[in-house]
């Protein structure tokens, strides 16, 4: 079965952000939208619940919703949390990606 992964540090930060910004939201949407200099941008946003065509993954009380149509491009991806001197935030490690733009905000398949 196709799956995704979420690092322990990302799970901790999803829970913290959900308490602060996503109260009442059931989970995190992980998907793709058109745009960016490489063709696609990752979507990470809180949602009230899964949609009919979603796959639902659970990680230590964190639910992640992925549209079935996006799964081919997102399978085996890892949602991670990275902190360094310049910034802190989510980082996607996706083995399906052929190239990533220089700023890391968009990807091509």
PDB file of N, CA and C in Angstrom:
ATOM      1  N   UNK A   1       0.834  -1.193   0.000  1.00  0.00           N
ATOM      2  CA  UNK A   1       0.000   0.000   0.000  1.00  0.00           C
ATOM      3  C   UNK A   1       0.875   1.252   0.000  1.00  0.00           C
ATOM      4  N   UNK A   2       0.487   2.225  -0.779  1.00  0.00           N
ATOM      5  CA  UNK A   2       1.198   3.502  -0.799  1.00  0.00           C
ATOM      6  C   UNK A   2       0.966   4.216   0.522  1.00  0.00           C
ATOM      7  N   UNK A   3       2.000   4.869   0.985  1.00  0.00           N
ATOM      8  CA  UNK A   3       1.888   5.536   2.277  1.00  0.00           C
ATOM      9  C   UNK A   3       2.722   6.812   2.290  1.00  0.00           C
ATOM     10  N   UNK A   4       2.597   7.550   3.355  1.00  0.00           N
ATOM     11  CA  UNK A   4       3.453   8.701   3.624  1.00  0.00           C
ATOM     12  C   UNK A   4       3.990   8.513   5.032  1.00  0.00           C
ATOM     13  N   UNK A   5       4.991   9.312   5.388  1.00  0.00           N
ATOM     14  CA  UNK A   5       5.562   9.267   6.725  1.00  0.00           C
ATOM     15  C   UNK A   5       5.564  10.682   7.299  1.00  0.00           C
ATOM     16  N   UNK A   6       5.526  10.757   8.610  1.00  0.00           N
ATOM     17  CA  UNK A   6       5.628  12.035   9.310  1.00  0.00           C
ATOM     18  C   UNK A   6       6.630  11.826  10.438  1.00  0.00           C
ATOM     19  N   UNK A   7       7.676  12.650  10.463  1.00  0.00           N
ATOM     20  CA  UNK A   7       8.702  12.505  11.494  1.00  0.00           C
ATOM     21  C   UNK A   7       8.131  12.853  12.873  1.00  0.00           C
ATOM     22  N   UNK A   8       8.778  12.354  13.908  1.00  0.00           N
ATOM     23  CA  UNK A   8       8.344  12.649  15.280  1.00  0.00           C
ATOM     24  C   UNK A   8       8.352  14.143  15.566  1.00  0.00           C
ATOM     25  N   UNK A   9       9.374  14.841  15.077  1.00  0.00           N
ATOM     26  CA  UNK A   9       9.451  16.289  15.290  1.00  0.00           C
ATOM     27  C   UNK A   9       8.322  17.012  14.555  1.00  0.00           C
ATOM     28  N   UNK A  10       7.976  16.538  13.365  1.00  0.00           N
ATOM     29  CA  UNK A  10       6.858  17.135  12.629  1.00  0.00           C
ATOM     30  C   UNK A  10       5.544  16.882  13.362  1.00  0.00           C
ATOM     31  N   UNK A  11       5.356  15.677  13.894  1.00  0.00           N
ATOM     32  CA  UNK A  11       4.137  15.368  14.646  1.00  0.00           C
ATOM     33  C   UNK A  11       3.991  16.323  15.826  1.00  0.00           C
ATOM     34  N   UNK A  12       5.060  16.521  16.574  1.00  0.00           N
ATOM     35  CA  UNK A  12       5.034  17.437  17.719  1.00  0.00           C
ATOM     36  C   UNK A  12       4.634  18.843  17.280  1.00  0.00           C
ATOM     37  N   UNK A  13       5.215  19.324  16.181  1.00  0.00           N
ATOM     38  CA  UNK A  13       4.915  20.677  15.722  1.00  0.00           C
ATOM     39  C   UNK A  13       3.533  20.787  15.097  1.00  0.00           C
ATOM     40  N   UNK A  14       3.039  19.736  14.456  1.00  0.00           N
ATOM     41  CA  UNK A  14       1.663  19.748  13.944  1.00  0.00           C
ATOM     42  C   UNK A  14       0.696  19.881  15.115  1.00  0.00           C
ATOM     43  N   UNK A  15       0.918  19.121  16.179  1.00  0.00           N
ATOM     44  CA  UNK A  15       0.052  19.209  17.361  1.00  0.00           C
ATOM     45  C   UNK A  15       0.078  20.607  17.954  1.00  0.00           C
ATOM     46  N   UNK A  16       1.262  21.192  18.076  1.00  0.00           N
ATOM     47  CA  UNK A  16       1.384  22.544  18.635  1.00  0.00           C
ATOM     48  C   UNK A  16       0.672  23.566  17.752  1.00  0.00           C
ATOM     49  N   UNK A  17       0.871  23.478  16.442  1.00  0.00           N
ATOM     50  CA  UNK A  17       0.228  24.421  15.525  1.00  0.00           C
ATOM     51  C   UNK A  17      -1.283  24.223  15.490  1.00  0.00           C
ATOM     52  N   UNK A  18      -1.709  22.980  15.594  1.00  0.00           N
ATOM     53  CA  UNK A  18      -3.145  22.714  15.585  1.00  0.00           C
ATOM     54  C   UNK A  18      -3.811  23.327  16.815  1.00  0.00           C
ATOM     55  N   UNK A  19      -3.162  23.257  17.970  1.00  0.00           N
ATOM     56  CA  UNK A  19      -3.698  23.893  19.177  1.00  0.00           C
ATOM     57  C   UNK A  19      -3.793  25.406  19.001  1.00  0.00           C
ATOM     58  N   UNK A  20      -2.775  25.975  18.353  1.00  0.00           N
ATOM     59  CA  UNK A  20      -2.713  27.433  18.218  1.00  0.00           C
ATOM     60  C   UNK A  20      -3.580  27.970  17.079  1.00  0.00           C
ATOM     61  N   UNK A  21      -3.566  27.294  15.917  1.00  0.00           N
ATOM     62  CA  UNK A  21      -4.230  27.846  14.731  1.00  0.00           C
ATOM     63  C   UNK A  21      -5.347  26.988  14.165  1.00  0.00           C
ATOM     64  N   UNK A  22      -5.416  25.736  14.562  1.00  0.00           N
ATOM     65  CA  UNK A  22      -6.357  24.831  13.916  1.00  0.00           C
ATOM     66  C   UNK A  22      -7.363  24.207  14.851  1.00  0.00           C
ATOM     67  N   UNK A  23      -7.728  24.939  15.884  1.00  0.00           N
ATOM     68  CA  UNK A  23      -8.691  24.390  16.832  1.00  0.00           C
ATOM     69  C   UNK A  23      -9.990  24.059  16.107  1.00  0.00           C
ATOM     70  N   UNK A  24     -10.500  22.876  16.364  1.00  0.00           N
ATOM     71  CA  UNK A  24     -11.725  22.438  15.697  1.00  0.00           C
ATOM     72  C   UNK A  24     -11.456  21.744  14.379  1.00  0.00           C
ATOM     73  N   UNK A  25     -10.214  21.767  13.932  1.00  0.00           N
ATOM     74  CA  UNK A  25      -9.857  21.100  12.688  1.00  0.00           C
ATOM     75  C   UNK A  25      -9.442  19.673  13.004  1.00  0.00           C
ATOM     76  N   UNK A  26      -9.885  18.745  12.180  1.00  0.00           N
ATOM     77  CA  UNK A  26      -9.656  17.329  12.434  1.00  0.00           C
ATOM     78  C   UNK A  26      -8.288  16.833  11.995  1.00  0.00           C
ATOM     79  N   UNK A  27      -7.684  17.513  11.028  1.00  0.00           N
ATOM     80  CA  UNK A  27      -6.412  16.994  10.537  1.00  0.00           C
ATOM     81  C   UNK A  27      -5.718  17.949   9.588  1.00  0.00           C
ATOM     82  N   UNK A  28      -4.640  17.451   9.016  1.00  0.00           N
ATOM     83  CA  UNK A  28      -3.781  18.238   8.136  1.00  0.00           C
ATOM     84  C   UNK A  28      -3.915  17.731   6.706  1.00  0.00           C
ATOM     85  N   UNK A  29      -4.209  18.625   5.782  1.00  0.00           N
ATOM     86  CA  UNK A  29      -4.250  18.302   4.358  1.00  0.00           C
ATOM     87  C   UNK A  29      -2.821  18.331   3.821  1.00  0.00           C
ATOM     88  N   UNK A  30      -2.398  17.261   3.156  1.00  0.00           N
ATOM     89  CA  UNK A  30      -1.107  17.198   2.465  1.00  0.00           C
ATOM     90  C   UNK A  30      -1.421  16.922   1.012  1.00  0.00           C
ATOM     91  N   UNK A  31      -1.046  17.864   0.150  1.00  0.00           N
ATOM     92  CA  UNK A  31      -1.377  17.714  -1.258  1.00  0.00           C
ATOM     93  C   UNK A  31      -0.494  18.562  -2.130  1.00  0.00           C
ATOM     94  N   UNK A  32      -0.971  18.762  -3.353  1.00  0.00           N
ATOM     95  CA  UNK A  32      -0.251  19.531  -4.362  1.00  0.00           C
ATOM     96  C   UNK A  32      -1.182  20.547  -4.991  1.00  0.00           C
ATOM     97  N   UNK A  33      -0.624  21.658  -5.405  1.00  0.00           N
ATOM     98  CA  UNK A  33      -1.359  22.618  -6.216  1.00  0.00           C
ATOM     99  C   UNK A  33      -0.422  23.087  -7.322  1.00  0.00           C
ATOM    100  N   UNK A  34      -0.987  23.510  -8.418  1.00  0.00           N
ATOM    101  CA  UNK A  34      -0.178  24.025  -9.524  1.00  0.00           C
ATOM    102  C   UNK A  34       0.448  25.343  -9.129  1.00  0.00           C
ATOM    103  N   UNK A  35       1.680  25.568  -9.614  1.00  0.00           N
ATOM    104  CA  UNK A  35       2.319  26.848  -9.340  1.00  0.00           C
ATOM    105  C   UNK A  35       3.767  26.698  -8.950  1.00  0.00           C
ATOM    106  N   UNK A  36       4.379  27.824  -8.730  1.00  0.00           N
ATOM    107  CA  UNK A  36       5.790  27.820  -8.369  1.00  0.00           C
ATOM    108  C   UNK A  36       6.663  27.695  -9.605  1.00  0.00           C
ATOM    109  N   UNK A  37       7.927  27.940  -9.442  1.00  0.00           N
ATOM    110  CA  UNK A  37       8.835  27.943 -10.588  1.00  0.00           C
ATOM    111  C   UNK A  37       9.145  26.549 -11.115  1.00  0.00           C
ATOM    112  N   UNK A  38       8.860  25.493 -10.337  1.00  0.00           N
ATOM    113  CA  UNK A  38       9.136  24.135 -10.803  1.00  0.00           C
ATOM    114  C   UNK A  38       7.865  23.405 -11.247  1.00  0.00           C
ATOM    115  N   UNK A  39       6.689  23.979 -11.051  1.00  0.00           N
ATOM    116  CA  UNK A  39       5.471  23.367 -11.550  1.00  0.00           C
ATOM    117  C   UNK A  39       4.402  23.076 -10.511  1.00  0.00           C
ATOM    118  N   UNK A  40       4.784  22.570  -9.337  1.00  0.00           N
ATOM    119  CA  UNK A  40       3.831  22.242  -8.282  1.00  0.00           C
ATOM    120  C   UNK A  40       4.326  22.791  -6.953  1.00  0.00           C
ATOM    121  N   UNK A  41       3.359  23.111  -6.099  1.00  0.00           N
ATOM    122  CA  UNK A  41       3.680  23.513  -4.729  1.00  0.00           C
ATOM    123  C   UNK A  41       3.000  22.531  -3.789  1.00  0.00           C
ATOM    124  N   UNK A  42       3.678  22.240  -2.687  1.00  0.00           N
ATOM    125  CA  UNK A  42       3.073  21.389  -1.676  1.00  0.00           C
ATOM    126  C   UNK A  42       2.031  22.182  -0.897  1.00  0.00           C
ATOM    127  N   UNK A  43       0.977  21.487  -0.491  1.00  0.00           N
ATOM    128  CA  UNK A  43      -0.074  22.072   0.335  1.00  0.00           C
ATOM    129  C   UNK A  43      -0.033  21.398   1.695  1.00  0.00           C
ATOM    130  N   UNK A  44       0.047  22.178   2.729  1.00  0.00           N
ATOM    131  CA  UNK A  44      -0.072  21.717   4.119  1.00  0.00           C
ATOM    132  C   UNK A  44      -0.985  22.707   4.826  1.00  0.00           C
ATOM    133  N   UNK A  45      -2.210  22.279   5.133  1.00  0.00           N
ATOM    134  CA  UNK A  45      -3.152  23.170   5.796  1.00  0.00           C
ATOM    135  C   UNK A  45      -4.147  22.352   6.614  1.00  0.00           C
ATOM    136  N   UNK A  46      -4.622  22.938   7.693  1.00  0.00           N
ATOM    137  CA  UNK A  46      -5.588  22.254   8.541  1.00  0.00           C
ATOM    138  C   UNK A  46      -6.963  22.262   7.883  1.00  0.00           C
ATOM    139  N   UNK A  47      -7.682  21.136   8.058  1.00  0.00           N
ATOM    140  CA  UNK A  47      -9.034  21.025   7.507  1.00  0.00           C
ATOM    141  C   UNK A  47      -9.964  20.401   8.532  1.00  0.00           C
ATOM    142  N   UNK A  48     -11.255  20.668   8.358  1.00  0.00           N
ATOM    143  CA  UNK A  48     -12.264  20.169   9.282  1.00  0.00           C
ATOM    144  C   UNK A  48     -12.387  18.652   9.246  1.00  0.00           C
ATOM    145  N   UNK A  49     -12.085  18.053   8.116  1.00  0.00           N
ATOM    146  CA  UNK A  49     -12.200  16.607   8.006  1.00  0.00           C
ATOM    147  C   UNK A  49     -11.812  16.154   6.611  1.00  0.00           C
ATOM    148  N   UNK A  50     -11.725  14.846   6.416  1.00  0.00           N
ATOM    149  CA  UNK A  50     -11.358  14.318   5.102  1.00  0.00           C
ATOM    150  C   UNK A  50     -12.495  14.485   4.104  1.00  0.00           C
ATOM    151  N   UNK A  51     -12.126  14.533   2.839  1.00  0.00           N
ATOM    152  CA  UNK A  51     -13.106  14.557   1.768  1.00  0.00           C
ATOM    153  C   UNK A  51     -13.323  13.134   1.281  1.00  0.00           C
ATOM    154  N   UNK A  52     -14.328  12.949   0.457  1.00  0.00           N
ATOM    155  CA  UNK A  52     -14.718  11.617  -0.002  1.00  0.00           C
ATOM    156  C   UNK A  52     -13.587  10.847  -0.677  1.00  0.00           C
ATOM    157  N   UNK A  53     -12.756  11.527  -1.455  1.00  0.00           N
ATOM    158  CA  UNK A  53     -11.682  10.866  -2.207  1.00  0.00           C
ATOM    159  C   UNK A  53     -10.335  10.879  -1.479  1.00  0.00           C
ATOM    160  N   UNK A  54     -10.346  11.078  -0.181  1.00  0.00           N
ATOM    161  CA  UNK A  54      -9.099  11.154   0.579  1.00  0.00           C
ATOM    162  C   UNK A  54      -8.688   9.810   1.165  1.00  0.00           C
ATOM    163  N   UNK A  55      -7.394   9.627   1.245  1.00  0.00           N
ATOM    164  CA  UNK A  55      -6.810   8.596   2.079  1.00  0.00           C
ATOM    165  C   UNK A  55      -6.515   9.268   3.417  1.00  0.00           C
ATOM    166  N   UNK A  56      -6.711   8.567   4.506  1.00  0.00           N
ATOM    167  CA  UNK A  56      -6.493   9.150   5.828  1.00  0.00           C
ATOM    168  C   UNK A  56      -5.408   8.336   6.536  1.00  0.00           C
ATOM    169  N   UNK A  57      -4.369   9.034   6.974  1.00  0.00           N
ATOM    170  CA  UNK A  57      -3.258   8.420   7.695  1.00  0.00           C
ATOM    171  C   UNK A  57      -3.256   8.980   9.112  1.00  0.00           C
ATOM    172  N   UNK A  58      -2.938   8.137  10.090  1.00  0.00           N
ATOM    173  CA  UNK A  58      -2.888   8.578  11.480  1.00  0.00           C
ATOM    174  C   UNK A  58      -1.499   8.351  12.045  1.00  0.00           C
ATOM    175  N   UNK A  59      -1.000   9.370  12.733  1.00  0.00           N
ATOM    176  CA  UNK A  59       0.320   9.340  13.359  1.00  0.00           C
ATOM    177  C   UNK A  59       0.203   9.924  14.757  1.00  0.00           C
ATOM    178  N   UNK A  60       0.156   9.077  15.778  1.00  0.00           N
ATOM    179  CA  UNK A  60       0.128   9.541  17.163  1.00  0.00           C
ATOM    180  C   UNK A  60      -0.902  10.659  17.361  1.00  0.00           C
ATOM    181  N   UNK A  61      -2.143  10.387  17.032  1.00  0.00           N
ATOM    182  CA  UNK A  61      -3.275  11.315  17.173  1.00  0.00           C
ATOM    183  C   UNK A  61      -3.281  12.457  16.165  1.00  0.00           C
ATOM    184  N   UNK A  62      -2.376  12.455  15.204  1.00  0.00           N
ATOM    185  CA  UNK A  62      -2.389  13.435  14.118  1.00  0.00           C
ATOM    186  C   UNK A  62      -2.935  12.736  12.878  1.00  0.00           C
ATOM    187  N   UNK A  63      -3.984  13.304  12.294  1.00  0.00           N
ATOM    188  CA  UNK A  63      -4.555  12.748  11.067  1.00  0.00           C
ATOM    189  C   UNK A  63      -4.081  13.578   9.885  1.00  0.00           C
ATOM    190  N   UNK A  64      -3.704  12.888   8.804  1.00  0.00           N
ATOM    191  CA  UNK A  64      -3.251  13.543   7.584  1.00  0.00           C
ATOM    192  C   UNK A  64      -4.135  13.053   6.441  1.00  0.00           C
ATOM    193  N   UNK A  65      -4.689  14.006   5.679  1.00  0.00           N
ATOM    194  CA  UNK A  65      -5.580  13.702   4.563  1.00  0.00           C
ATOM    195  C   UNK A  65      -4.839  13.928   3.248  1.00  0.00           C
ATOM    196  N   UNK A  66      -4.878  12.910   2.374  1.00  0.00           N
ATOM    197  CA  UNK A  66      -4.245  13.009   1.058  1.00  0.00           C
ATOM    198  C   UNK A  66      -5.261  12.577   0.016  1.00  0.00           C
ATOM    199  N   UNK A  67      -5.512  13.430  -0.977  1.00  0.00           N
ATOM    200  CA  UNK A  67      -6.405  13.066  -2.070  1.00  0.00           C
ATOM    201  C   UNK A  67      -5.797  11.913  -2.848  1.00  0.00           C
ATOM    202  N   UNK A  68      -6.612  10.914  -3.187  1.00  0.00           N
ATOM    203  CA  UNK A  68      -6.127   9.730  -3.909  1.00  0.00           C
ATOM    204  C   UNK A  68      -5.408  10.099  -5.204  1.00  0.00           C
ATOM    205  N   UNK A  69      -5.871  11.157  -5.883  1.00  0.00           N
ATOM    206  CA  UNK A  69      -5.245  11.568  -7.143  1.00  0.00           C
ATOM    207  C   UNK A  69      -3.822  12.087  -6.935  1.00  0.00           C
ATOM    208  N   UNK A  70      -3.518  12.613  -5.784  1.00  0.00           N
ATOM    209  CA  UNK A  70      -2.180  13.137  -5.497  1.00  0.00           C
ATOM    210  C   UNK A  70      -1.216  12.060  -5.005  1.00  0.00           C
ATOM    211  N   UNK A  71      -1.759  10.923  -4.606  1.00  0.00           N
ATOM    212  CA  UNK A  71      -0.936   9.913  -3.947  1.00  0.00           C
ATOM    213  C   UNK A  71       0.197   9.387  -4.818  1.00  0.00           C
ATOM    214  N   UNK A  72      -0.014   9.266  -6.125  1.00  0.00           N
ATOM    215  CA  UNK A  72       1.055   8.762  -6.998  1.00  0.00           C
ATOM    216  C   UNK A  72       2.296   9.652  -6.918  1.00  0.00           C
ATOM    217  N   UNK A  73       2.094  10.960  -6.797  1.00  0.00           N
ATOM    218  CA  UNK A  73       3.223  11.886  -6.710  1.00  0.00           C
ATOM    219  C   UNK A  73       3.730  12.086  -5.283  1.00  0.00           C
ATOM    220  N   UNK A  74       2.938  11.689  -4.303  1.00  0.00           N
ATOM    221  CA  UNK A  74       3.319  11.911  -2.908  1.00  0.00           C
ATOM    222  C   UNK A  74       3.711  10.639  -2.165  1.00  0.00           C
ATOM    223  N   UNK A  75       3.508   9.481  -2.786  1.00  0.00           N
ATOM    224  CA  UNK A  75       3.778   8.225  -2.077  1.00  0.00           C
ATOM    225  C   UNK A  75       5.229   8.161  -1.609  1.00  0.00           C
ATOM    226  N   UNK A  76       5.386   7.611  -0.427  1.00  0.00           N
ATOM    227  CA  UNK A  76       6.683   7.455   0.233  1.00  0.00           C
ATOM    228  C   UNK A  76       7.348   8.773   0.621  1.00  0.00           C
ATOM    229  N   UNK A  77       6.595   9.859   0.568  1.00  0.00           N
ATOM    230  CA  UNK A  77       7.122  11.151   1.026  1.00  0.00           C
ATOM    231  C   UNK A  77       7.158  11.186   2.543  1.00  0.00           C
ATOM    232  N   UNK A  78       8.058  11.999   3.061  1.00  0.00           N
ATOM    233  CA  UNK A  78       8.146  12.224   4.498  1.00  0.00           C
ATOM    234  C   UNK A  78       7.938  13.707   4.778  1.00  0.00           C
ATOM    235  N   UNK A  79       7.026  13.996   5.693  1.00  0.00           N
ATOM    236  CA  UNK A  79       6.849  15.362   6.187  1.00  0.00           C
ATOM    237  C   UNK A  79       7.760  15.484   7.400  1.00  0.00           C
ATOM    238  N   UNK A  80       8.676  16.419   7.345  1.00  0.00           N
ATOM    239  CA  UNK A  80       9.652  16.594   8.416  1.00  0.00           C
ATOM    240  C   UNK A  80       9.581  18.030   8.927  1.00  0.00           C
ATOM    241  N   UNK A  81      10.156  18.270  10.073  1.00  0.00           N
ATOM    242  CA  UNK A  81      10.278  19.620  10.642  1.00  0.00           C
ATOM    243  C   UNK A  81      11.765  19.916  10.772  1.00  0.00           C
ATOM    244  N   UNK A  82      12.177  21.051  10.227  1.00  0.00           N
ATOM    245  CA  UNK A  82      13.592  21.419  10.232  1.00  0.00           C
ATOM    246  C   UNK A  82      13.746  22.781  10.889  1.00  0.00           C
ATOM    247  N   UNK A  83      14.743  22.893  11.743  1.00  0.00           N
ATOM    248  CA  UNK A  83      15.073  24.174  12.378  1.00  0.00           C
ATOM    249  C   UNK A  83      16.544  24.459  12.151  1.00  0.00           C
ATOM    250  N   UNK A  84      16.829  25.674  11.686  1.00  0.00           N
ATOM    251  CA  UNK A  84      18.215  26.096  11.538  1.00  0.00           C
ATOM    252  C   UNK A  84      18.293  27.589  11.858  1.00  0.00           C
ATOM    253  N   UNK A  85      19.443  28.188  11.647  1.00  0.00           N
ATOM    254  CA  UNK A  85      19.620  29.603  11.982  1.00  0.00           C
ATOM    255  C   UNK A  85      18.737  30.535  11.163  1.00  0.00           C
ATOM    256  N   UNK A  86      18.364  30.108   9.955  1.00  0.00           N
ATOM    257  CA  UNK A  86      17.594  30.972   9.059  1.00  0.00           C
ATOM    258  C   UNK A  86      16.083  30.845   9.229  1.00  0.00           C
ATOM    259  N   UNK A  87      15.616  29.646   9.585  1.00  0.00           N
ATOM    260  CA  UNK A  87      14.167  29.447   9.632  1.00  0.00           C
ATOM    261  C   UNK A  87      13.831  28.136  10.325  1.00  0.00           C
ATOM    262  N   UNK A  88      12.549  27.977  10.589  1.00  0.00           N
ATOM    263  CA  UNK A  88      12.015  26.721  11.099  1.00  0.00           C
ATOM    264  C   UNK A  88      10.728  26.445  10.349  1.00  0.00           C
ATOM    265  N   UNK A  89      10.521  25.197   9.983  1.00  0.00           N
ATOM    266  CA  UNK A  89       9.292  24.866   9.277  1.00  0.00           C
ATOM    267  C   UNK A  89       9.303  23.462   8.714  1.00  0.00           C
ATOM    268  N   UNK A  90       8.234  23.155   8.028  1.00  0.00           N
ATOM    269  CA  UNK A  90       8.095  21.832   7.441  1.00  0.00           C
ATOM    270  C   UNK A  90       8.966  21.699   6.199  1.00  0.00           C
ATOM    271  N   UNK A  91       9.464  20.503   6.002  1.00  0.00           N
ATOM    272  CA  UNK A  91      10.230  20.176   4.814  1.00  0.00           C
ATOM    273  C   UNK A  91       9.713  18.833   4.308  1.00  0.00           C
ATOM    274  N   UNK A  92       9.509  18.745   3.006  1.00  0.00           N
ATOM    275  CA  UNK A  92       9.004  17.521   2.393  1.00  0.00           C
ATOM    276  C   UNK A  92      10.157  16.811   1.701  1.00  0.00           C
ATOM    277  N   UNK A  93      10.332  15.544   2.028  1.00  0.00           N
ATOM    278  CA  UNK A  93      11.304  14.690   1.348  1.00  0.00           C
ATOM    279  C   UNK A  93      10.484  13.754   0.460  1.00  0.00           C
ATOM    280  N   UNK A  94      10.585  13.938  -0.849  1.00  0.00           N
ATOM    281  CA  UNK A  94       9.736  13.202  -1.780  1.00  0.00           C
ATOM    282  C   UNK A  94      10.585  12.477  -2.814  1.00  0.00           C
ATOM    283  N   UNK A  95      10.620  11.138  -2.776  1.00  0.00           N
ATOM    284  CA  UNK A  95      11.422  10.389  -3.740  1.00  0.00           C
ATOM    285  C   UNK A  95      10.861  10.442  -5.169  1.00  0.00           C
ATOM    286  N   UNK A  96       9.625  10.895  -5.339  1.00  0.00           N
ATOM    287  CA  UNK A  96       9.018  10.992  -6.680  1.00  0.00           C
ATOM    288  C   UNK A  96       9.457  12.261  -7.421  1.00  0.00           C
ATOM    289  N   UNK A  97       9.957  13.235  -6.699  1.00  0.00           N
ATOM    290  CA  UNK A  97      10.307  14.531  -7.294  1.00  0.00           C
ATOM    291  C   UNK A  97      11.528  14.400  -8.202  1.00  0.00           C
ATOM    292  N   UNK A  98      11.411  14.960  -9.392  1.00  0.00           N
ATOM    293  CA  UNK A  98      12.540  14.960 -10.333  1.00  0.00           C
ATOM    294  C   UNK A  98      13.466  16.143 -10.078  1.00  0.00           C
ATOM    295  N   UNK A  99      12.863  17.286  -9.752  1.00  0.00           N
ATOM    296  CA  UNK A  99      13.681  18.457  -9.430  1.00  0.00           C
ATOM    297  C   UNK A  99      12.907  19.389  -8.524  1.00  0.00           C
ATOM    298  N   UNK A 100      13.658  20.154  -7.762  1.00  0.00           N
ATOM    299  CA  UNK A 100      13.097  21.133  -6.852  1.00  0.00           C
ATOM    300  C   UNK A 100      13.657  22.491  -7.234  1.00  0.00           C
ATOM    301  N   UNK A 101      12.856  23.530  -7.082  1.00  0.00           N
ATOM    302  CA  UNK A 101      13.359  24.857  -7.412  1.00  0.00           C
ATOM    303  C   UNK A 101      14.432  25.276  -6.403  1.00  0.00           C
ATOM    304  N   UNK A 102      15.153  26.315  -6.711  1.00  0.00           N
ATOM    305  CA  UNK A 102      16.244  26.769  -5.861  1.00  0.00           C
ATOM    306  C   UNK A 102      15.819  27.183  -4.474  1.00  0.00           C
ATOM    307  N   UNK A 103      14.610  27.732  -4.341  1.00  0.00           N
ATOM    308  CA  UNK A 103      14.148  28.179  -3.034  1.00  0.00           C
ATOM    309  C   UNK A 103      13.508  27.047  -2.228  1.00  0.00           C
ATOM    310  N   UNK A 104      13.273  25.903  -2.866  1.00  0.00           N
ATOM    311  CA  UNK A 104      12.697  24.766  -2.165  1.00  0.00           C
ATOM    312  C   UNK A 104      11.205  24.820  -1.988  1.00  0.00           C
ATOM    313  N   UNK A 105      10.544  25.794  -2.581  1.00  0.00           N
ATOM    314  CA  UNK A 105       9.109  25.966  -2.403  1.00  0.00           C
ATOM    315  C   UNK A 105       8.272  25.194  -3.418  1.00  0.00           C
ATOM    316  N   UNK A 106       8.858  24.791  -4.544  1.00  0.00           N
ATOM    317  CA  UNK A 106       8.086  24.059  -5.533  1.00  0.00           C
ATOM    318  C   UNK A 106       8.902  22.903  -6.101  1.00  0.00           C
ATOM    319  N   UNK A 107       8.183  21.996  -6.773  1.00  0.00           N
ATOM    320  CA  UNK A 107       8.768  20.740  -7.213  1.00  0.00           C
ATOM    321  C   UNK A 107       8.192  20.342  -8.572  1.00  0.00           C
ATOM    322  N   UNK A 108       8.948  19.551  -9.318  1.00  0.00           N
ATOM    323  CA  UNK A 108       8.472  19.035 -10.599  1.00  0.00           C
ATOM    324  C   UNK A 108       8.560  17.514 -10.576  1.00  0.00           C
ATOM    325  N   UNK A 109       7.648  16.876 -11.295  1.00  0.00           N
ATOM    326  CA  UNK A 109       7.614  15.424 -11.369  1.00  0.00           C
ATOM    327  C   UNK A 109       7.887  15.019 -12.770  1.00  0.00           C
TER     328      UNK A 109
END
